């Protein structure tokens, strides 16, 4: 089983990155590097919810949580910790 970053990176590469040579650095902003548009962002949120069995609340849909692989990894970890308590 891949880690959170690996699963998200593969999802992005499979669904949004047209240039096969493009790499996605863990800290790179999806918005700044034009990896996702608004529709793609919603698809990413849906993927995160389904893959990691969490609910992304409207107020959590902010760059600090979802704009890079590092941010998503930390966000998913926080959500998992919160649901475990």
Protein backbone atom coordinates (compact mmCIF):
# COMPACT_ATOMS: atom_id res chain seq x y z
CA UNK A 1 0.00 0.00 0.00
CA UNK A 2 1.32 3.42 -0.97
CA UNK A 3 1.58 6.22 1.54
CA UNK A 4 -0.68 9.28 1.33
CA UNK A 5 1.78 11.29 -0.77
CA UNK A 6 2.33 8.38 -3.15
CA UNK A 7 -1.39 7.80 -3.66
CA UNK A 8 -2.10 11.49 -4.26
CA UNK A 9 0.87 11.86 -6.59
CA UNK A 10 -0.24 8.86 -8.64
CA UNK A 11 -3.80 10.22 -8.81
CA UNK A 12 -2.53 13.58 -10.07
CA UNK A 13 -0.19 12.01 -12.61
CA UNK A 14 -2.91 9.67 -13.88
CA UNK A 15 -5.62 12.31 -14.13
CA UNK A 16 -4.15 15.78 -14.56
CA UNK A 17 -0.51 15.82 -15.67
CA UNK A 18 -0.30 15.69 -19.45
CA UNK A 19 3.49 15.91 -19.68
CA UNK A 20 4.87 12.47 -18.83
CA UNK A 21 8.22 14.00 -17.86
CA UNK A 22 6.71 16.36 -15.29
CA UNK A 23 7.41 15.57 -11.67
CA UNK A 24 5.48 16.82 -8.68
CA UNK A 25 7.70 17.83 -5.79
CA UNK A 26 6.25 17.19 -2.34
CA UNK A 27 6.19 20.88 -1.41
CA UNK A 28 5.15 22.28 -4.81
CA UNK A 29 1.93 24.29 -4.91
CA UNK A 30 -0.67 22.72 -7.20
CA UNK A 31 -2.14 26.16 -7.90
CA UNK A 32 1.17 27.90 -8.58
CA UNK A 33 2.27 25.14 -10.97
CA UNK A 34 -1.17 24.88 -12.61
CA UNK A 35 -1.56 21.19 -11.81
CA UNK A 36 -5.28 21.57 -10.99
CA UNK A 37 -8.14 23.80 -12.06
CA UNK A 38 -11.29 24.27 -9.99
CA UNK A 39 -12.93 21.10 -11.33
CA UNK A 40 -9.75 19.14 -10.71
CA UNK A 41 -9.66 20.42 -7.16
CA UNK A 42 -13.13 18.99 -6.51
CA UNK A 43 -12.02 15.68 -8.03
CA UNK A 44 -8.98 15.70 -5.73
CA UNK A 45 -11.16 16.32 -2.67
CA UNK A 46 -13.46 13.46 -3.67
CA UNK A 47 -10.45 11.18 -4.15
CA UNK A 48 -9.07 12.12 -0.72
CA UNK A 49 -12.40 11.46 0.97
CA UNK A 50 -12.86 8.08 -0.70
CA UNK A 51 -9.25 6.91 -0.42
CA UNK A 52 -8.63 7.86 3.19
CA UNK A 53 -12.17 7.53 4.58
CA UNK A 54 -12.34 11.11 5.82
CA UNK A 55 -14.72 13.99 5.24
CA UNK A 56 -13.22 17.24 3.94
CA UNK A 57 -15.34 20.03 5.37
CA UNK A 58 -15.95 23.19 3.34
CA UNK A 59 -13.91 25.30 5.74
CA UNK A 60 -10.99 22.85 5.42
CA UNK A 61 -10.74 23.37 1.64
CA UNK A 62 -7.87 25.83 1.93
CA UNK A 63 -4.34 25.82 0.48
CA UNK A 64 -2.85 25.15 3.91
CA UNK A 65 -4.54 21.73 3.79
CA UNK A 66 -4.74 20.80 0.12
CA UNK A 67 -2.28 22.73 -2.08
CA UNK A 68 0.70 20.35 -2.04
CA UNK A 69 1.56 16.75 -1.32
CA UNK A 70 3.10 17.78 2.01
CA UNK A 71 -0.01 19.75 2.99
CA UNK A 72 -2.34 16.88 2.10
CA UNK A 73 -0.19 14.36 3.95
CA UNK A 74 -0.27 16.50 7.12
CA UNK A 75 -3.99 17.19 6.72
CA UNK A 76 -4.91 13.51 6.34
CA UNK A 77 -2.76 12.66 9.37
CA UNK A 78 -4.57 15.31 11.45
CA UNK A 79 -7.99 14.06 10.32
CA UNK A 80 -7.07 10.46 11.13
CA UNK A 81 -5.82 11.43 14.60
CA UNK A 82 -9.00 13.39 15.26
CA UNK A 83 -11.23 10.49 14.24
CA UNK A 84 -9.23 8.06 16.39
CA UNK A 85 -10.01 9.97 19.56
